[in-house]
Amino acid sequence: MQNNILVINCGSSSLKFSLMNPVNGQIILAGLAECLLTAEAVITIKHQEKKISIALSDPFDHEVAIKFLVDYLTEHQLKKSVYAIGHRVVHGGEKYSQPTLIDEDVKISIEQLSKLAPLHNPANLQGIQAAEKAFKQTPQVAIFDTAFHQTMPKKSYLYGLPYHFYQDHGIRKYGFHGTSHYFVCKEAATMLKKPIEQCNIISAHLGNGCSVTAVKQGKSVDTSLGLTPLEGVMMGTRSGDIDAGVIFHLVEQLGYSLEEVNNILNKKSGLLGVSQLSNDCRTIEEAASNGNVQATLALEIFSYRIAKSIASFTCNFTSLDGLIFTGGIGENSMFIRSLILSQLALLNFHEDKLANETMRFGKQGNIAQSDSTPCWVIPTNEEWVIAEQTYQRLNQEQ
């Protein structure tokens, strides 16, 4: 096949990639370069049921990782099958609501939007620039995490701040995990045998980062993540919603610097901070089952905040087709799903315990009782969305 899409998801010290068929989602090759910018930089490639890991040479950066990938693709006669490259870009601001062909103006915009995503957009741009050097004539398309949420109304995305902060500085809720929410809602619509434009769904993407999204008639109308990925429900290491006055108290009364507070809220809070053990839900669940009080408390807060967010988002609907769990925790933790559903009985969510226990490790289906509002576990596939939307965007040009 000569129209495979190379999907690139670039982090500050990592580069995740996959070569795939955009029509059916078949993965031809996938891999990860990690510990970039250090002497421990390594790239792992899975291809034809084989897995290889190779240490990368100095300067250990994204460009070196992509050069290694290109050499591998060339050696295995796969480079000519790359029709285009789809890049995950975290923040598109208000400017980008659709898959976008990358040119110099788009790269400038991505750089300018780095002020809204300083940890992500610069890395995404590095991946784009490295891919452009390696694939000189190949179209590059940006798929923005925030794009799906650009259908939110002002009442959902504006904060109760002086309006000029939005007008002059773009301070508003943007939301993230857009490709994930879009994919699983599309899958749910297929299960319902309805066009997505007729579906009202709440989607809960639960992993180390978490977000809940209300999807009305196929469009995002509210989401829990905000200007940054710190707002919303409690997460692996992020606090989620807190009284903003806590920040002033930490700085003015307890003597913390703003840098320290930023680090606490983003990297030391959430499941890690409350459990005092780990940000890994599996570790915390095991500790809770052995009687660890802090682990139990962490899981209770985590599930309650998510249930509360789901319940609050029902104000967007007069009818609800169902709830989706996705992401690493959402797809695999029957315990967390059970805890959340037990707090949503008023919305007619009642767990089918056997179905919930069965629905793990890539399985997909309804875990609610037959007379309940449906609740699906749907494994997400953001790479396929990026590949599919990249292919569709380029075919619009023809």
Protein backbone atom coordinates (compact mmCIF):
# COMPACT_ATOMS: atom_id res chain seq x y z
CA MET A 1 0.00 0.00 0.00
CA GLN A 2 1.41 3.35 -1.01
CA ASN A 3 -0.68 5.63 1.22
CA ASN A 4 0.46 4.71 4.73
CA ILE A 5 0.62 7.51 7.28
CA LEU A 6 3.57 7.94 9.62
CA VAL A 7 2.16 9.23 12.92
CA ILE A 8 4.55 11.16 15.17
CA ASN A 9 3.85 12.13 18.77
CA CYS A 10 6.78 14.11 20.08
CA GLY A 11 7.40 14.75 23.79
CA SER A 12 10.14 16.81 25.39
CA SER A 13 12.36 13.74 25.80
CA SER A 14 10.52 11.12 23.74
CA LEU A 15 9.23 10.40 20.25
CA LYS A 16 6.41 7.91 19.76
CA PHE A 17 5.71 6.80 16.19
CA SER A 18 3.68 4.38 14.12
CA LEU A 19 3.32 3.62 10.43
CA MET A 20 -0.26 2.66 9.69
CA ASN A 21 -3.00 2.17 7.16
CA PRO A 22 -5.32 5.18 7.66
CA VAL A 23 -8.38 3.34 6.34
CA ASN A 24 -8.45 0.27 8.59
CA GLY A 25 -5.98 1.26 11.33
CA GLN A 26 -3.60 -1.63 10.62
CA ILE A 27 -0.21 -0.96 12.23
CA ILE A 28 2.73 -1.84 10.00
CA LEU A 29 5.41 -0.61 12.39
CA ALA A 30 5.45 1.17 15.75
CA GLY A 31 7.99 2.31 18.26
CA LEU A 32 9.31 4.74 20.82
CA ALA A 33 12.48 6.77 21.25
CA GLU A 34 12.95 7.69 24.91
CA CYS A 35 15.44 9.33 27.25
CA LEU A 36 16.26 11.72 24.41
CA LEU A 37 18.83 14.45 25.11
CA THR A 38 20.63 12.08 27.50
CA ALA A 39 23.36 9.47 27.04
CA GLU A 40 20.73 6.79 27.80
CA ALA A 41 18.73 7.61 24.65
CA VAL A 42 17.28 4.46 23.11
CA ILE A 43 14.89 3.66 20.28
CA THR A 44 12.62 0.61 20.20
CA ILE A 45 10.88 -0.58 17.03
CA LYS A 46 8.20 -3.27 16.72
CA HIS A 47 7.86 -4.67 13.20
CA GLN A 48 6.73 -8.02 11.81
CA GLU A 49 6.30 -9.49 15.29
CA LYS A 50 9.89 -8.60 16.16
CA LYS A 51 11.12 -5.99 18.62
CA ILE A 52 14.52 -4.31 18.51
CA SER A 53 16.06 -1.75 20.87
CA ILE A 54 19.11 0.27 19.85
CA ALA A 55 21.05 2.94 21.75
CA LEU A 56 21.08 6.24 19.88
CA SER A 57 24.31 8.09 19.15
CA ASP A 58 25.27 11.61 20.18
CA PRO A 59 23.58 14.21 20.06
CA PHE A 60 20.73 11.93 21.26
CA ASP A 61 18.03 14.32 20.02
CA HIS A 62 14.74 14.02 18.09
CA GLU A 63 16.50 14.49 14.76
CA VAL A 64 18.81 11.54 15.45
CA ALA A 65 15.81 9.40 16.42
CA ILE A 66 13.95 10.27 13.21
CA LYS A 67 17.08 9.66 11.12
CA PHE A 68 17.33 6.17 12.65
CA LEU A 69 13.66 5.57 11.87
CA VAL A 70 14.12 6.72 8.26
CA ASP A 71 17.11 4.42 7.84
CA TYR A 72 15.04 1.53 9.18
CA LEU A 73 12.11 2.34 6.86
CA THR A 74 14.48 2.57 3.89
CA GLU A 75 16.21 -0.70 4.73
CA HIS A 76 12.86 -2.52 4.92
CA GLN A 77 11.46 -0.90 1.73
CA LEU A 78 8.84 1.05 3.67
CA LYS A 79 9.92 4.66 3.17
CA LYS A 80 8.27 4.93 -0.25
CA SER A 81 4.97 3.80 1.29
CA VAL A 82 4.82 6.91 3.51
CA TYR A 83 2.11 9.04 1.91
CA ALA A 84 2.18 11.73 4.60
CA ILE A 85 3.16 12.43 8.18
CA GLY A 86 0.59 13.24 10.84
CA HIS A 87 1.85 15.11 13.91
CA ARG A 88 0.09 15.31 17.25
CA VAL A 89 0.27 18.94 18.38
CA VAL A 90 -1.06 19.62 21.86
CA HIS A 91 -2.21 23.23 21.66
CA GLY A 92 -3.87 24.89 18.67
CA GLY A 93 -5.54 27.72 20.58
CA GLU A 94 -8.64 29.16 18.92
CA LYS A 95 -6.95 29.30 15.54
CA TYR A 96 -7.02 25.60 14.66
CA SER A 97 -10.18 23.52 14.78
CA GLN A 98 -9.37 21.15 11.89
CA PRO A 99 -6.45 19.01 10.66
CA THR A 100 -4.02 21.51 9.15
CA LEU A 101 -1.40 21.20 6.42
CA ILE A 102 1.86 22.44 7.94
CA ASP A 103 3.63 25.40 6.35
CA GLU A 104 5.86 28.17 7.72
CA ASP A 105 2.88 30.15 9.10
CA VAL A 106 1.56 27.10 10.95
CA LYS A 107 4.98 26.46 12.49
CA ILE A 108 5.16 30.09 13.65
CA SER A 109 1.70 29.73 15.21
CA ILE A 110 2.66 26.52 17.00
CA GLU A 111 5.71 28.31 18.40
CA GLN A 112 3.59 31.31 19.50
CA LEU A 113 1.10 28.97 21.18
CA SER A 114 3.95 27.52 23.24
CA LYS A 115 3.11 30.10 25.90
CA LEU A 116 -0.10 28.11 26.47
CA ALA A 117 1.66 24.71 26.38
CA PRO A 118 5.33 25.33 27.26
CA LEU A 119 6.06 21.64 27.94
CA HIS A 120 4.42 20.29 24.79
CA ASN A 121 4.30 22.63 21.79
CA PRO A 122 8.09 23.22 21.58
CA ALA A 123 8.62 19.44 21.53
CA ASN A 124 5.89 18.99 18.91
CA LEU A 125 7.63 21.62 16.77
CA GLN A 126 10.96 19.82 17.14
CA GLY A 127 9.35 16.67 15.77
CA ILE A 128 7.90 18.58 12.82
CA GLN A 129 11.23 20.19 11.94
CA ALA A 130 13.11 16.89 12.23
CA ALA A 131 10.53 15.11 10.06
CA GLU A 132 10.69 17.85 7.42
CA LYS A 133 14.46 17.35 7.11
CA ALA A 134 14.10 13.58 6.79
CA PHE A 135 11.05 13.58 4.46
CA LYS A 136 11.66 16.63 2.28
CA GLN A 137 8.82 16.17 -0.23
CA THR A 138 6.31 14.48 2.08
CA PRO A 139 3.23 16.46 3.25
CA GLN A 140 3.10 17.10 6.99
CA VAL A 141 -0.24 17.59 8.78
CA ALA A 142 -0.88 18.85 12.31
CA ILE A 143 -3.67 17.27 14.37
CA PHE A 144 -4.36 19.45 17.40
CA ASP A 145 -5.42 18.02 20.77
CA THR A 146 -7.56 21.09 21.37
CA ALA A 147 -9.36 21.07 18.00
CA PHE A 148 -12.29 18.81 18.97
CA HIS A 149 -13.22 21.17 21.79
CA GLN A 150 -13.44 24.29 19.62
CA THR A 151 -17.21 23.70 19.35
CA MET A 152 -17.69 24.59 23.03
CA PRO A 153 -19.96 27.62 23.62
CA LYS A 154 -18.64 30.66 25.48
CA LYS A 155 -20.61 29.78 28.61
CA SER A 156 -18.49 26.61 28.83
CA TYR A 157 -15.05 27.91 27.99
CA LEU A 158 -14.92 31.35 29.60
CA TYR A 159 -13.71 31.88 33.17
CA GLY A 160 -15.25 34.34 35.61
CA LEU A 161 -12.36 36.75 35.08
CA PRO A 162 -12.34 40.30 33.68
CA TYR A 163 -13.24 39.82 30.02
CA HIS A 164 -10.11 41.56 28.72
CA PHE A 165 -7.97 38.62 29.87
CA TYR A 166 -9.76 36.53 27.25
CA GLN A 167 -9.78 39.26 24.62
CA ASP A 168 -6.14 40.28 25.02
CA HIS A 169 -4.43 37.09 26.16
CA GLY A 170 -6.67 34.18 25.13
CA ILE A 171 -7.18 33.02 28.72
CA ARG A 172 -10.02 30.49 28.50
CA LYS A 173 -10.67 26.77 28.71
CA TYR A 174 -9.30 24.89 25.68
CA GLY A 175 -9.48 21.23 26.70
CA PHE A 176 -7.25 18.36 25.63
CA HIS A 177 -7.44 14.63 24.75
CA GLY A 178 -9.59 15.73 21.80
CA THR A 179 -8.55 12.92 19.46
CA SER A 180 -9.29 10.33 22.15
CA HIS A 181 -12.76 11.67 22.95
CA TYR A 182 -13.57 11.95 19.24
CA PHE A 183 -12.51 8.35 18.54
CA VAL A 184 -14.39 6.68 21.38
CA CYS A 185 -17.57 8.71 20.76
CA LYS A 186 -17.47 7.64 17.12
CA GLU A 187 -17.14 4.01 18.25
CA ALA A 188 -20.06 4.44 20.67
CA ALA A 189 -22.22 5.85 17.89
CA THR A 190 -21.49 2.70 15.87
CA MET A 191 -22.63 0.57 18.82
CA LEU A 192 -25.79 2.65 19.12
CA LYS A 193 -26.35 2.30 15.36
CA LYS A 194 -26.90 6.04 15.14
CA PRO A 195 -25.07 8.85 13.34
CA ILE A 196 -22.69 10.56 15.78
CA GLU A 197 -24.57 13.80 15.04
CA GLN A 198 -27.56 12.31 16.87
CA CYS A 199 -25.62 11.07 19.93
CA ASN A 200 -25.39 12.61 23.41
CA ILE A 201 -22.49 11.03 25.29
CA ILE A 202 -20.21 11.70 28.23
CA SER A 203 -16.66 10.45 27.70
CA ALA A 204 -14.19 9.87 30.56
CA HIS A 205 -10.54 9.54 29.48
CA LEU A 206 -8.78 8.25 32.59
CA GLY A 207 -5.03 7.75 32.73
CA ASN A 208 -2.15 9.61 34.34
CA GLY A 209 -3.89 12.60 32.78
CA CYS A 210 -7.69 12.61 32.98
CA SER A 211 -10.52 14.49 31.34
CA VAL A 212 -14.30 14.26 31.11
CA THR A 213 -16.09 15.61 28.03
CA ALA A 214 -19.75 16.24 27.24
CA VAL A 215 -20.47 15.45 23.58
CA LYS A 216 -23.84 16.76 22.37
CA GLN A 217 -25.03 15.70 18.93
CA GLY A 218 -21.46 14.69 18.12
CA LYS A 219 -19.82 17.94 19.26
CA SER A 220 -17.86 18.79 22.38
CA VAL A 221 -19.87 21.26 24.47
CA ASP A 222 -17.83 21.11 27.70
CA THR A 223 -14.70 19.43 29.00
CA SER A 224 -12.90 19.28 32.33
CA LEU A 225 -9.35 20.27 31.29
CA GLY A 226 -8.85 24.00 30.93
CA LEU A 227 -6.28 26.55 29.81
CA THR A 228 -3.73 23.93 30.86
CA PRO A 229 -3.97 20.21 31.68
CA LEU A 230 -4.13 21.08 35.42
CA GLU A 231 -7.84 21.90 35.69
CA GLY A 232 -10.60 19.37 36.25
CA VAL A 233 -10.65 16.02 38.03
CA MET A 234 -7.82 14.68 40.17
CA MET A 235 -5.17 12.88 38.10
CA GLY A 236 -1.99 10.84 38.51
CA THR A 237 0.24 13.67 39.74
CA ARG A 238 -1.97 16.73 39.08
CA SER A 239 -4.30 18.16 41.71
CA GLY A 240 -7.17 19.04 39.38
CA ASP A 241 -9.57 21.69 40.67
CA ILE A 242 -8.56 23.49 43.85
CA ASP A 243 -9.48 26.80 45.46
CA ALA A 244 -7.16 29.30 43.73
CA GLY A 245 -6.65 30.83 47.18
CA VAL A 246 -4.59 27.76 48.11
CA ILE A 247 -1.83 29.08 45.84
CA PHE A 248 -1.71 32.43 47.67
CA HIS A 249 -1.76 30.65 51.03
CA LEU A 250 1.17 28.42 50.04
CA VAL A 251 3.18 31.43 48.80
CA GLU A 252 2.26 34.13 51.33
CA GLN A 253 1.74 32.11 54.50
CA LEU A 254 3.89 29.00 54.06
CA GLY A 255 6.78 30.52 52.11
CA TYR A 256 6.71 28.42 48.94
CA SER A 257 7.94 29.96 45.69
CA LEU A 258 5.66 30.03 42.65
CA GLU A 259 7.97 27.55 40.95
CA GLU A 260 7.61 25.17 43.91
CA VAL A 261 3.81 25.54 43.89
CA ASN A 262 3.71 24.85 40.16
CA ASN A 263 5.77 21.70 40.73
CA ILE A 264 3.55 20.57 43.64
CA LEU A 265 0.29 21.02 41.73
CA ASN A 266 1.52 19.38 38.51
CA LYS A 267 3.96 16.71 39.66
CA LYS A 268 3.43 15.89 43.34
CA SER A 269 -0.34 15.95 43.82
CA GLY A 270 -3.24 13.77 42.65
CA LEU A 271 -3.08 10.02 43.28
CA LEU A 272 0.62 10.32 44.12
CA GLY A 273 0.16 13.14 46.61
CA VAL A 274 -2.82 11.70 48.47
CA SER A 275 -1.69 8.06 48.51
CA GLN A 276 1.91 9.01 49.36
CA LEU A 277 2.83 5.91 47.37
CA SER A 278 2.60 6.21 43.59
CA ASN A 279 0.76 7.76 40.66
CA ASP A 280 0.17 4.25 39.26
CA CYS A 281 -3.41 3.20 39.92
CA ARG A 282 -2.46 -0.49 39.95
CA THR A 283 0.01 0.03 42.79
CA ILE A 284 -2.53 2.05 44.78
CA GLU A 285 -5.33 -0.49 44.24
CA GLU A 286 -3.06 -3.28 45.48
CA ALA A 287 -2.11 -1.25 48.56
CA ALA A 288 -5.77 -0.44 49.25
CA SER A 289 -6.69 -4.12 49.03
CA ASN A 290 -4.06 -4.74 51.73
CA GLY A 291 -5.62 -2.18 54.05
CA ASN A 292 -3.54 0.94 53.27
CA VAL A 293 -5.72 3.84 54.46
CA GLN A 294 -4.06 6.53 52.31
CA ALA A 295 -4.36 4.39 49.18
CA THR A 296 -8.07 3.83 49.87
CA LEU A 297 -8.58 7.57 50.42
CA ALA A 298 -6.79 8.42 47.15
CA LEU A 299 -9.06 6.08 45.17
CA GLU A 300 -12.16 7.43 46.88
CA ILE A 301 -11.28 11.05 46.09
CA PHE A 302 -10.28 10.13 42.53
CA SER A 303 -13.52 8.29 41.77
CA TYR A 304 -15.74 10.84 43.53
CA ARG A 305 -14.26 13.78 41.60
CA ILE A 306 -14.78 11.94 38.32
CA ALA A 307 -18.36 10.93 39.21
CA LYS A 308 -19.11 14.52 40.23
CA SER A 309 -17.75 15.83 36.93
CA ILE A 310 -19.82 13.31 34.94
CA ALA A 311 -22.97 14.22 36.86
CA SER A 312 -22.38 17.96 36.41
CA PHE A 313 -22.01 17.60 32.65
CA THR A 314 -25.50 16.10 32.33
CA CYS A 315 -26.87 19.67 32.54
CA ASN A 316 -25.97 19.90 28.83
CA PHE A 317 -28.55 17.27 27.85
CA THR A 318 -32.24 16.46 27.94
CA SER A 319 -31.38 12.84 27.16
CA LEU A 320 -28.17 10.83 27.49
CA ASP A 321 -27.20 7.91 25.27
CA GLY A 322 -24.42 6.67 27.49
CA LEU A 323 -21.09 7.02 29.28
CA ILE A 324 -17.66 5.92 28.00
CA PHE A 325 -14.59 4.86 29.96
CA THR A 326 -11.29 4.99 28.06
CA GLY A 327 -7.57 5.60 28.70
CA GLY A 328 -5.25 3.29 30.65
CA ILE A 329 -7.27 3.38 33.90
CA GLY A 330 -10.65 3.66 32.21
CA GLU A 331 -9.97 0.65 29.99
CA ASN A 332 -8.42 -1.62 32.63
CA SER A 333 -9.47 -0.75 36.18
CA MET A 334 -12.74 -2.53 36.91
CA PHE A 335 -12.41 -1.29 40.53
CA ILE A 336 -12.34 2.42 39.58
CA ARG A 337 -15.20 1.96 37.08
CA SER A 338 -17.26 0.23 39.78
CA LEU A 339 -16.56 3.00 42.30
CA ILE A 340 -17.59 5.69 39.81
CA LEU A 341 -20.78 3.94 38.67
CA SER A 342 -21.85 3.32 42.28
CA GLN A 343 -22.08 7.11 42.70
CA LEU A 344 -24.17 7.64 39.55
CA ALA A 345 -27.26 5.57 40.41
CA LEU A 346 -29.46 8.69 40.14
CA LEU A 347 -28.55 8.81 36.44
CA ASN A 348 -29.62 5.15 36.05
CA PHE A 349 -26.10 3.76 35.85
CA HIS A 350 -25.99 0.30 37.40
CA GLU A 351 -22.95 -1.93 37.02
CA ASP A 352 -23.11 -5.41 35.55
CA LYS A 353 -20.34 -6.88 37.72
CA LEU A 354 -19.52 -9.81 35.44
CA ALA A 355 -19.36 -7.58 32.35
CA ASN A 356 -17.17 -5.08 34.22
CA GLU A 357 -14.76 -7.81 35.31
CA THR A 358 -14.57 -9.11 31.73
CA MET A 359 -14.02 -5.77 30.00
CA ARG A 360 -10.23 -5.30 30.29
CA PHE A 361 -7.01 -5.46 28.25
CA GLY A 362 -8.37 -4.25 24.93
CA LYS A 363 -11.90 -5.61 25.19
CA GLN A 364 -14.79 -3.34 24.26
CA GLY A 365 -18.41 -3.38 25.38
CA ASN A 366 -21.21 -2.35 27.75
CA ILE A 367 -20.65 -2.86 31.49
CA ALA A 368 -24.07 -1.60 32.64
CA GLN A 369 -27.11 -3.72 33.42
CA SER A 370 -29.58 -4.25 30.58
CA ASP A 371 -32.17 -1.83 32.01
CA SER A 372 -29.54 0.86 32.79
CA THR A 373 -28.17 3.74 30.78
CA PRO A 374 -25.36 2.19 28.68
CA CYS A 375 -21.80 2.47 29.94
CA TRP A 376 -19.13 1.33 27.52
CA VAL A 377 -15.46 0.51 27.91
CA ILE A 378 -13.85 1.53 24.61
CA PRO A 379 -10.06 1.34 24.07
CA THR A 380 -8.89 4.61 22.56
CA ASN A 381 -6.80 4.82 19.40
CA GLU A 382 -5.45 8.33 19.01
CA GLU A 383 -2.84 7.23 16.46
CA TRP A 384 -5.54 5.97 14.12
CA VAL A 385 -7.44 9.26 14.43
CA ILE A 386 -4.27 11.16 13.52
CA ALA A 387 -3.60 8.86 10.54
CA GLU A 388 -7.21 8.98 9.35
CA GLN A 389 -7.57 12.75 9.66
CA THR A 390 -4.20 13.35 7.99
CA TYR A 391 -5.24 11.19 5.03
CA GLN A 392 -8.67 12.86 4.80
CA ARG A 393 -7.13 16.35 4.96
CA LEU A 394 -4.80 15.64 2.04
CA ASN A 395 -7.56 14.06 -0.02
CA GLN A 396 -9.58 17.25 0.38
CA GLU A 397 -6.80 18.97 -1.57
CA GLN A 398 -7.28 16.70 -4.56
